[in-house]
Amino acid sequence: MPEGFDASLKVGEEVPVRKGWVVKSMTMMYAGMPSPGVYSVAVTWKEGNQAASANLFFPMDQKGFDLGKGHVSVTHVDARSIRFRFEIL
């Protein structure tokens, strides 16, 4: 079974999803629902004083996506919160 964890986030909350050698850290934040039927997550990569981020948008019926070297399986999402399992591949 792949290594991973379960998480529940409210809008604006974030959770670390990776710490590694090349990319020092990666976090995922729930950014809410910018429009009906669409949810968004923000991903941030950090290494030293360098950082990058991206806002990812998904239709409500998409319950999974790859993130870095892992997979996010969404079990619940609404305008205020998201529950998911992150599995390291």
PDB file of N, CA and C in Angstrom:
ATOM      1  N   MET A   1       0.844  -1.180   0.000  1.00  0.00           N
ATOM      2  CA  MET A   1       0.000   0.000   0.000  1.00  0.00           C
ATOM      3  C   MET A   1       0.891   1.246   0.000  1.00  0.00           C
ATOM      4  N   PRO A   2       0.564   2.234  -0.838  1.00  0.00           N
ATOM      5  CA  PRO A   2       1.382   3.449  -0.878  1.00  0.00           C
ATOM      6  C   PRO A   2       1.338   4.214   0.445  1.00  0.00           C
ATOM      7  N   GLU A   3       2.451   4.856   0.753  1.00  0.00           N
ATOM      8  CA  GLU A   3       2.540   5.697   1.946  1.00  0.00           C
ATOM      9  C   GLU A   3       1.740   6.970   1.706  1.00  0.00           C
ATOM     10  N   GLY A   4       1.048   7.470   2.725  1.00  0.00           N
ATOM     11  CA  GLY A   4       0.276   8.698   2.551  1.00  0.00           C
ATOM     12  C   GLY A   4      -0.401   9.131   3.837  1.00  0.00           C
ATOM     13  N   PHE A   5      -1.334  10.085   3.691  1.00  0.00           N
ATOM     14  CA  PHE A   5      -2.061  10.590   4.846  1.00  0.00           C
ATOM     15  C   PHE A   5      -3.397  11.167   4.408  1.00  0.00           C
ATOM     16  N   ASP A   6      -4.317  11.276   5.356  1.00  0.00           N
ATOM     17  CA  ASP A   6      -5.617  11.903   5.142  1.00  0.00           C
ATOM     18  C   ASP A   6      -5.575  13.307   5.724  1.00  0.00           C
ATOM     19  N   ALA A   7      -6.293  14.237   5.078  1.00  0.00           N
ATOM     20  CA  ALA A   7      -6.320  15.612   5.574  1.00  0.00           C
ATOM     21  C   ALA A   7      -7.670  16.235   5.278  1.00  0.00           C
ATOM     22  N   SER A   8      -8.025  17.217   6.092  1.00  0.00           N
ATOM     23  CA  SER A   8      -9.228  18.013   5.913  1.00  0.00           C
ATOM     24  C   SER A   8      -8.830  19.476   6.065  1.00  0.00           C
ATOM     25  N   LEU A   9      -9.167  20.285   5.066  1.00  0.00           N
ATOM     26  CA  LEU A   9      -8.781  21.694   5.079  1.00  0.00           C
ATOM     27  C   LEU A   9      -9.988  22.589   4.888  1.00  0.00           C
ATOM     28  N   LYS A  10      -9.998  23.716   5.581  1.00  0.00           N
ATOM     29  CA  LYS A  10     -10.969  24.771   5.336  1.00  0.00           C
ATOM     30  C   LYS A  10     -10.308  25.767   4.375  1.00  0.00           C
ATOM     31  N   VAL A  11     -11.083  26.668   3.806  1.00  0.00           N
ATOM     32  CA  VAL A  11     -10.543  27.664   2.885  1.00  0.00           C
ATOM     33  C   VAL A  11      -9.414  28.445   3.570  1.00  0.00           C
ATOM     34  N   GLY A  12      -8.276  28.528   2.910  1.00  0.00           N
ATOM     35  CA  GLY A  12      -7.125  29.258   3.433  1.00  0.00           C
ATOM     36  C   GLY A  12      -6.168  28.429   4.268  1.00  0.00           C
ATOM     37  N   GLU A  13      -6.545  27.221   4.646  1.00  0.00           N
ATOM     38  CA  GLU A  13      -5.646  26.361   5.413  1.00  0.00           C
ATOM     39  C   GLU A  13      -4.756  25.581   4.455  1.00  0.00           C
ATOM     40  N   GLU A  14      -3.551  25.251   4.934  1.00  0.00           N
ATOM     41  CA  GLU A  14      -2.635  24.502   4.087  1.00  0.00           C
ATOM     42  C   GLU A  14      -2.015  23.344   4.861  1.00  0.00           C
ATOM     43  N   VAL A  15      -1.494  22.384   4.093  1.00  0.00           N
ATOM     44  CA  VAL A  15      -0.856  21.215   4.682  1.00  0.00           C
ATOM     45  C   VAL A  15       0.391  20.896   3.856  1.00  0.00           C
ATOM     46  N   PRO A  16       1.505  20.531   4.520  1.00  0.00           N
ATOM     47  CA  PRO A  16       2.679  20.118   3.752  1.00  0.00           C
ATOM     48  C   PRO A  16       2.421  18.755   3.115  1.00  0.00           C
ATOM     49  N   VAL A  17       2.753  18.626   1.835  1.00  0.00           N
ATOM     50  CA  VAL A  17       2.550  17.349   1.158  1.00  0.00           C
ATOM     51  C   VAL A  17       3.858  16.693   0.748  1.00  0.00           C
ATOM     52  N   ARG A  18       4.969  17.443   0.863  1.00  0.00           N
ATOM     53  CA  ARG A  18       6.243  16.833   0.481  1.00  0.00           C
ATOM     54  C   ARG A  18       7.406  17.609   1.077  1.00  0.00           C
ATOM     55  N   LYS A  19       8.370  16.862   1.540  1.00  0.00           N
ATOM     56  CA  LYS A  19       9.667  17.431   1.907  1.00  0.00           C
ATOM     57  C   LYS A  19      10.688  16.539   1.232  1.00  0.00           C
ATOM     58  N   GLY A  20      11.587  17.136   0.494  1.00  0.00           N
ATOM     59  CA  GLY A  20      12.525  16.315  -0.256  1.00  0.00           C
ATOM     60  C   GLY A  20      13.880  16.954  -0.401  1.00  0.00           C
ATOM     61  N   TRP A  21      14.681  16.370  -1.270  1.00  0.00           N
ATOM     62  CA  TRP A  21      16.042  16.824  -1.450  1.00  0.00           C
ATOM     63  C   TRP A  21      16.124  17.944  -2.480  1.00  0.00           C
ATOM     64  N   VAL A  22      15.473  17.792  -3.630  1.00  0.00           N
ATOM     65  CA  VAL A  22      15.538  18.813  -4.678  1.00  0.00           C
ATOM     66  C   VAL A  22      14.592  19.966  -4.352  1.00  0.00           C
ATOM     67  N   VAL A  23      13.322  19.657  -4.159  1.00  0.00           N
ATOM     68  CA  VAL A  23      12.352  20.670  -3.729  1.00  0.00           C
ATOM     69  C   VAL A  23      12.248  20.535  -2.221  1.00  0.00           C
ATOM     70  N   LYS A  24      12.622  21.579  -1.487  1.00  0.00           N
ATOM     71  CA  LYS A  24      12.692  21.478  -0.031  1.00  0.00           C
ATOM     72  C   LYS A  24      11.327  21.277   0.609  1.00  0.00           C
ATOM     73  N   SER A  25      10.287  21.930   0.076  1.00  0.00           N
ATOM     74  CA  SER A  25       8.962  21.692   0.631  1.00  0.00           C
ATOM     75  C   SER A  25       7.891  22.016  -0.402  1.00  0.00           C
ATOM     76  N   MET A  26       6.763  21.359  -0.270  1.00  0.00           N
ATOM     77  CA  MET A  26       5.605  21.600  -1.109  1.00  0.00           C
ATOM     78  C   MET A  26       4.379  21.599  -0.204  1.00  0.00           C
ATOM     79  N   THR A  27       3.550  22.622  -0.323  1.00  0.00           N
ATOM     80  CA  THR A  27       2.326  22.688   0.465  1.00  0.00           C
ATOM     81  C   THR A  27       1.125  22.806  -0.460  1.00  0.00           C
ATOM     82  N   MET A  28      -0.021  22.374   0.043  1.00  0.00           N
ATOM     83  CA  MET A  28      -1.276  22.480  -0.691  1.00  0.00           C
ATOM     84  C   MET A  28      -2.272  23.231   0.182  1.00  0.00           C
ATOM     85  N   MET A  29      -2.923  24.251  -0.382  1.00  0.00           N
ATOM     86  CA  MET A  29      -3.919  25.056   0.327  1.00  0.00           C
ATOM     87  C   MET A  29      -5.250  24.945  -0.412  1.00  0.00           C
ATOM     88  N   TYR A  30      -6.341  24.839   0.357  1.00  0.00           N
ATOM     89  CA  TYR A  30      -7.659  24.855  -0.277  1.00  0.00           C
ATOM     90  C   TYR A  30      -8.046  26.300  -0.534  1.00  0.00           C
ATOM     91  N   ALA A  31      -8.347  26.613  -1.803  1.00  0.00           N
ATOM     92  CA  ALA A  31      -8.667  27.986  -2.200  1.00  0.00           C
ATOM     93  C   ALA A  31     -10.166  28.191  -2.437  1.00  0.00           C
ATOM     94  N   GLY A  32     -10.989  27.210  -2.127  1.00  0.00           N
ATOM     95  CA  GLY A  32     -12.436  27.382  -2.226  1.00  0.00           C
ATOM     96  C   GLY A  32     -12.995  27.118  -3.612  1.00  0.00           C
ATOM     97  N   MET A  33     -14.172  27.683  -3.853  1.00  0.00           N
ATOM     98  CA  MET A  33     -14.875  27.502  -5.120  1.00  0.00           C
ATOM     99  C   MET A  33     -15.030  28.866  -5.800  1.00  0.00           C
ATOM    100  N   PRO A  34     -14.241  29.133  -6.843  1.00  0.00           N
ATOM    101  CA  PRO A  34     -14.323  30.426  -7.515  1.00  0.00           C
ATOM    102  C   PRO A  34     -15.608  30.601  -8.320  1.00  0.00           C
ATOM    103  N   SER A  35     -16.247  29.496  -8.682  1.00  0.00           N
ATOM    104  CA  SER A  35     -17.531  29.546  -9.383  1.00  0.00           C
ATOM    105  C   SER A  35     -18.268  28.237  -9.104  1.00  0.00           C
ATOM    106  N   PRO A  36     -19.585  28.206  -9.335  1.00  0.00           N
ATOM    107  CA  PRO A  36     -20.324  26.967  -9.088  1.00  0.00           C
ATOM    108  C   PRO A  36     -19.761  25.817  -9.945  1.00  0.00           C
ATOM    109  N   GLY A  37     -19.554  24.693  -9.318  1.00  0.00           N
ATOM    110  CA  GLY A  37     -19.070  23.518 -10.029  1.00  0.00           C
ATOM    111  C   GLY A  37     -17.564  23.451 -10.217  1.00  0.00           C
ATOM    112  N   VAL A  38     -16.809  24.382  -9.622  1.00  0.00           N
ATOM    113  CA  VAL A  38     -15.352  24.390  -9.766  1.00  0.00           C
ATOM    114  C   VAL A  38     -14.718  24.621  -8.394  1.00  0.00           C
ATOM    115  N   TYR A  39     -13.732  23.782  -8.039  1.00  0.00           N
ATOM    116  CA  TYR A  39     -12.980  24.027  -6.807  1.00  0.00           C
ATOM    117  C   TYR A  39     -11.524  24.266  -7.154  1.00  0.00           C
ATOM    118  N   SER A  40     -10.794  24.888  -6.229  1.00  0.00           N
ATOM    119  CA  SER A  40      -9.421  25.285  -6.502  1.00  0.00           C
ATOM    120  C   SER A  40      -8.509  24.935  -5.333  1.00  0.00           C
ATOM    121  N   VAL A  41      -7.305  24.488  -5.673  1.00  0.00           N
ATOM    122  CA  VAL A  41      -6.257  24.295  -4.680  1.00  0.00           C
ATOM    123  C   VAL A  41      -5.034  25.082  -5.129  1.00  0.00           C
ATOM    124  N   ALA A  42      -4.315  25.644  -4.181  1.00  0.00           N
ATOM    125  CA  ALA A  42      -3.079  26.372  -4.465  1.00  0.00           C
ATOM    126  C   ALA A  42      -1.915  25.528  -3.981  1.00  0.00           C
ATOM    127  N   VAL A  43      -0.906  25.390  -4.814  1.00  0.00           N
ATOM    128  CA  VAL A  43       0.274  24.591  -4.494  1.00  0.00           C
ATOM    129  C   VAL A  43       1.477  25.521  -4.466  1.00  0.00           C
ATOM    130  N   THR A  44       2.314  25.392  -3.424  1.00  0.00           N
ATOM    131  CA  THR A  44       3.504  26.223  -3.284  1.00  0.00           C
ATOM    132  C   THR A  44       4.729  25.328  -3.117  1.00  0.00           C
ATOM    133  N   TRP A  45       5.782  25.629  -3.872  1.00  0.00           N
ATOM    134  CA  TRP A  45       7.069  24.961  -3.751  1.00  0.00           C
ATOM    135  C   TRP A  45       8.055  25.959  -3.180  1.00  0.00           C
ATOM    136  N   LYS A  46       8.876  25.526  -2.234  1.00  0.00           N
ATOM    137  CA  LYS A  46       9.871  26.421  -1.624  1.00  0.00           C
ATOM    138  C   LYS A  46      11.216  25.724  -1.536  1.00  0.00           C
ATOM    139  N   GLU A  47      12.270  26.498  -1.818  1.00  0.00           N
ATOM    140  CA  GLU A  47      13.627  26.012  -1.627  1.00  0.00           C
ATOM    141  C   GLU A  47      14.486  27.218  -1.265  1.00  0.00           C
ATOM    142  N   GLY A  48      14.946  27.270  -0.033  1.00  0.00           N
ATOM    143  CA  GLY A  48      15.714  28.419   0.426  1.00  0.00           C
ATOM    144  C   GLY A  48      14.873  29.681   0.342  1.00  0.00           C
ATOM    145  N   ASN A  49      15.383  30.704  -0.360  1.00  0.00           N
ATOM    146  CA  ASN A  49      14.600  31.926  -0.514  1.00  0.00           C
ATOM    147  C   ASN A  49      13.885  31.977  -1.867  1.00  0.00           C
ATOM    148  N   GLN A  50      13.828  30.865  -2.564  1.00  0.00           N
ATOM    149  CA  GLN A  50      13.129  30.746  -3.848  1.00  0.00           C
ATOM    150  C   GLN A  50      11.775  30.089  -3.604  1.00  0.00           C
ATOM    151  N   ALA A  51      10.748  30.554  -4.318  1.00  0.00           N
ATOM    152  CA  ALA A  51       9.415  29.959  -4.168  1.00  0.00           C
ATOM    153  C   ALA A  51       8.641  30.121  -5.464  1.00  0.00           C
ATOM    154  N   ALA A  52       7.691  29.231  -5.672  1.00  0.00           N
ATOM    155  CA  ALA A  52       6.778  29.311  -6.810  1.00  0.00           C
ATOM    156  C   ALA A  52       5.434  28.769  -6.353  1.00  0.00           C
ATOM    157  N   SER A  53       4.378  29.223  -6.999  1.00  0.00           N
ATOM    158  CA  SER A  53       3.061  28.715  -6.640  1.00  0.00           C
ATOM    159  C   SER A  53       2.174  28.653  -7.874  1.00  0.00           C
ATOM    160  N   ALA A  54       1.132  27.854  -7.777  1.00  0.00           N
ATOM    161  CA  ALA A  54       0.162  27.718  -8.870  1.00  0.00           C
ATOM    162  C   ALA A  54      -1.216  27.491  -8.270  1.00  0.00           C
ATOM    163  N   ASN A  55      -2.219  28.071  -8.894  1.00  0.00           N
ATOM    164  CA  ASN A  55      -3.605  27.809  -8.534  1.00  0.00           C
ATOM    165  C   ASN A  55      -4.138  26.783  -9.522  1.00  0.00           C
ATOM    166  N   LEU A  56      -4.638  25.666  -9.032  1.00  0.00           N
ATOM    167  CA  LEU A  56      -5.171  24.617  -9.883  1.00  0.00           C
ATOM    168  C   LEU A  56      -6.687  24.600  -9.752  1.00  0.00           C
ATOM    169  N   PHE A  57      -7.390  24.512 -10.869  1.00  0.00           N
ATOM    170  CA  PHE A  57      -8.852  24.527 -10.885  1.00  0.00           C
ATOM    171  C   PHE A  57      -9.367  23.194 -11.417  1.00  0.00           C
ATOM    172  N   PHE A  58     -10.374  22.620 -10.724  1.00  0.00           N
ATOM    173  CA  PHE A  58     -10.918  21.323 -11.103  1.00  0.00           C
ATOM    174  C   PHE A  58     -12.442  21.363 -11.092  1.00  0.00           C
ATOM    175  N   PRO A  59     -13.087  20.636 -12.017  1.00  0.00           N
ATOM    176  CA  PRO A  59     -14.542  20.510 -11.945  1.00  0.00           C
ATOM    177  C   PRO A  59     -14.925  19.666 -10.725  1.00  0.00           C
ATOM    178  N   MET A  60     -16.085  19.903 -10.172  1.00  0.00           N
ATOM    179  CA  MET A  60     -16.528  19.201  -8.956  1.00  0.00           C
ATOM    180  C   MET A  60     -16.531  17.682  -9.112  1.00  0.00           C
ATOM    181  N   ASP A  61     -16.753  17.177 -10.321  1.00  0.00           N
ATOM    182  CA  ASP A  61     -16.814  15.727 -10.499  1.00  0.00           C
ATOM    183  C   ASP A  61     -15.432  15.083 -10.647  1.00  0.00           C
ATOM    184  N   GLN A  62     -14.368  15.883 -10.681  1.00  0.00           N
ATOM    185  CA  GLN A  62     -13.020  15.321 -10.707  1.00  0.00           C
ATOM    186  C   GLN A  62     -12.571  15.080  -9.275  1.00  0.00           C
ATOM    187  N   LYS A  63     -12.402  13.826  -8.918  1.00  0.00           N
ATOM    188  CA  LYS A  63     -12.105  13.459  -7.538  1.00  0.00           C
ATOM    189  C   LYS A  63     -10.671  13.014  -7.310  1.00  0.00           C
ATOM    190  N   GLY A  64      -9.795  13.276  -8.266  1.00  0.00           N
ATOM    191  CA  GLY A  64      -8.399  12.919  -8.072  1.00  0.00           C
ATOM    192  C   GLY A  64      -7.501  13.638  -9.053  1.00  0.00           C
ATOM    193  N   PHE A  65      -6.242  13.868  -8.642  1.00  0.00           N
ATOM    194  CA  PHE A  65      -5.251  14.480  -9.521  1.00  0.00           C
ATOM    195  C   PHE A  65      -3.864  14.187  -8.974  1.00  0.00           C
ATOM    196  N   ASP A  66      -2.882  14.185  -9.864  1.00  0.00           N
ATOM    197  CA  ASP A  66      -1.491  13.971  -9.478  1.00  0.00           C
ATOM    198  C   ASP A  66      -0.887  15.284  -9.039  1.00  0.00           C
ATOM    199  N   LEU A  67      -0.043  15.213  -8.021  1.00  0.00           N
ATOM    200  CA  LEU A  67       0.612  16.394  -7.482  1.00  0.00           C
ATOM    201  C   LEU A  67       2.036  16.023  -7.125  1.00  0.00           C
ATOM    202  N   GLY A  68       2.995  16.526  -7.892  1.00  0.00           N
ATOM    203  CA  GLY A  68       4.388  16.140  -7.664  1.00  0.00           C
ATOM    204  C   GLY A  68       4.547  14.648  -7.881  1.00  0.00           C
ATOM    205  N   LYS A  69       5.118  13.964  -6.905  1.00  0.00           N
ATOM    206  CA  LYS A  69       5.285  12.515  -6.985  1.00  0.00           C
ATOM    207  C   LYS A  69       4.247  11.809  -6.129  1.00  0.00           C
ATOM    208  N   GLY A  70       3.038  12.368  -6.101  1.00  0.00           N
ATOM    209  CA  GLY A  70       1.954  11.792  -5.317  1.00  0.00           C
ATOM    210  C   GLY A  70       0.631  11.937  -6.025  1.00  0.00           C
ATOM    211  N   HIS A  71      -0.405  11.393  -5.406  1.00  0.00           N
ATOM    212  CA  HIS A  71      -1.754  11.462  -5.960  1.00  0.00           C
ATOM    213  C   HIS A  71      -2.718  11.915  -4.863  1.00  0.00           C
ATOM    214  N   VAL A  72      -3.576  12.873  -5.197  1.00  0.00           N
ATOM    215  CA  VAL A  72      -4.598  13.373  -4.284  1.00  0.00           C
ATOM    216  C   VAL A  72      -5.922  12.746  -4.668  1.00  0.00           C
ATOM    217  N   SER A  73      -6.565  12.045  -3.717  1.00  0.00           N
ATOM    218  CA  SER A  73      -7.898  11.471  -3.921  1.00  0.00           C
ATOM    219  C   SER A  73      -8.875  12.253  -3.051  1.00  0.00           C
ATOM    220  N   VAL A  74      -9.749  13.028  -3.685  1.00  0.00           N
ATOM    221  CA  VAL A  74     -10.700  13.878  -2.971  1.00  0.00           C
ATOM    222  C   VAL A  74     -11.909  13.046  -2.567  1.00  0.00           C
ATOM    223  N   THR A  75     -12.229  13.050  -1.268  1.00  0.00           N
ATOM    224  CA  THR A  75     -13.394  12.308  -0.777  1.00  0.00           C
ATOM    225  C   THR A  75     -14.598  13.215  -0.560  1.00  0.00           C
ATOM    226  N   HIS A  76     -14.352  14.507  -0.315  1.00  0.00           N
ATOM    227  CA  HIS A  76     -15.448  15.467  -0.128  1.00  0.00           C
ATOM    228  C   HIS A  76     -14.930  16.863  -0.446  1.00  0.00           C
ATOM    229  N   VAL A  77     -15.750  17.640  -1.131  1.00  0.00           N
ATOM    230  CA  VAL A  77     -15.393  19.031  -1.386  1.00  0.00           C
ATOM    231  C   VAL A  77     -16.664  19.868  -1.435  1.00  0.00           C
ATOM    232  N   ASP A  78     -16.647  21.015  -0.767  1.00  0.00           N
ATOM    233  CA  ASP A  78     -17.739  21.987  -0.858  1.00  0.00           C
ATOM    234  C   ASP A  78     -17.118  23.378  -0.783  1.00  0.00           C
ATOM    235  N   ALA A  79     -17.937  24.403  -0.723  1.00  0.00           N
ATOM    236  CA  ALA A  79     -17.435  25.781  -0.769  1.00  0.00           C
ATOM    237  C   ALA A  79     -16.539  26.134   0.413  1.00  0.00           C
ATOM    238  N   ARG A  80     -16.677  25.433   1.538  1.00  0.00           N
ATOM    239  CA  ARG A  80     -15.917  25.782   2.739  1.00  0.00           C
ATOM    240  C   ARG A  80     -14.795  24.838   3.100  1.00  0.00           C
ATOM    241  N   SER A  81     -14.816  23.595   2.564  1.00  0.00           N
ATOM    242  CA  SER A  81     -13.795  22.631   2.988  1.00  0.00           C
ATOM    243  C   SER A  81     -13.559  21.551   1.937  1.00  0.00           C
ATOM    244  N   ILE A  82     -12.433  20.863   2.129  1.00  0.00           N
ATOM    245  CA  ILE A  82     -12.076  19.733   1.282  1.00  0.00           C
ATOM    246  C   ILE A  82     -11.488  18.645   2.177  1.00  0.00           C
ATOM    247  N   ARG A  83     -11.819  17.381   1.887  1.00  0.00           N
ATOM    248  CA  ARG A  83     -11.203  16.224   2.548  1.00  0.00           C
ATOM    249  C   ARG A  83     -10.562  15.387   1.458  1.00  0.00           C
ATOM    250  N   PHE A  84      -9.338  14.920   1.721  1.00  0.00           N
ATOM    251  CA  PHE A  84      -8.631  14.154   0.699  1.00  0.00           C
ATOM    252  C   PHE A  84      -7.623  13.213   1.326  1.00  0.00           C
ATOM    253  N   ARG A  85      -7.139  12.285   0.502  1.00  0.00           N
ATOM    254  CA  ARG A  85      -6.031  11.412   0.876  1.00  0.00           C
ATOM    255  C   ARG A  85      -4.904  11.681  -0.098  1.00  0.00           C
ATOM    256  N   PHE A  86      -3.704  11.921   0.435  1.00  0.00           N
ATOM    257  CA  PHE A  86      -2.512  12.109  -0.390  1.00  0.00           C
ATOM    258  C   PHE A  86      -1.682  10.851  -0.279  1.00  0.00           C
ATOM    259  N   GLU A  87      -1.380  10.219  -1.437  1.00  0.00           N
ATOM    260  CA  GLU A  87      -0.573   9.013  -1.461  1.00  0.00           C
ATOM    261  C   GLU A  87       0.705   9.281  -2.233  1.00  0.00           C
ATOM    262  N   ILE A  88       1.827   8.912  -1.656  1.00  0.00           N
ATOM    263  CA  ILE A  88       3.111   9.073  -2.315  1.00  0.00           C
ATOM    264  C   ILE A  88       3.292   7.893  -3.260  1.00  0.00           C
ATOM    265  N   LEU A  89       3.559   8.194  -4.511  1.00  0.00           N
ATOM    266  CA  LEU A  89       3.704   7.133  -5.521  1.00  0.00           C
ATOM    267  C   LEU A  89       5.122   6.625  -5.595  1.00  0.00           C
TER     268      LEU A  89
END
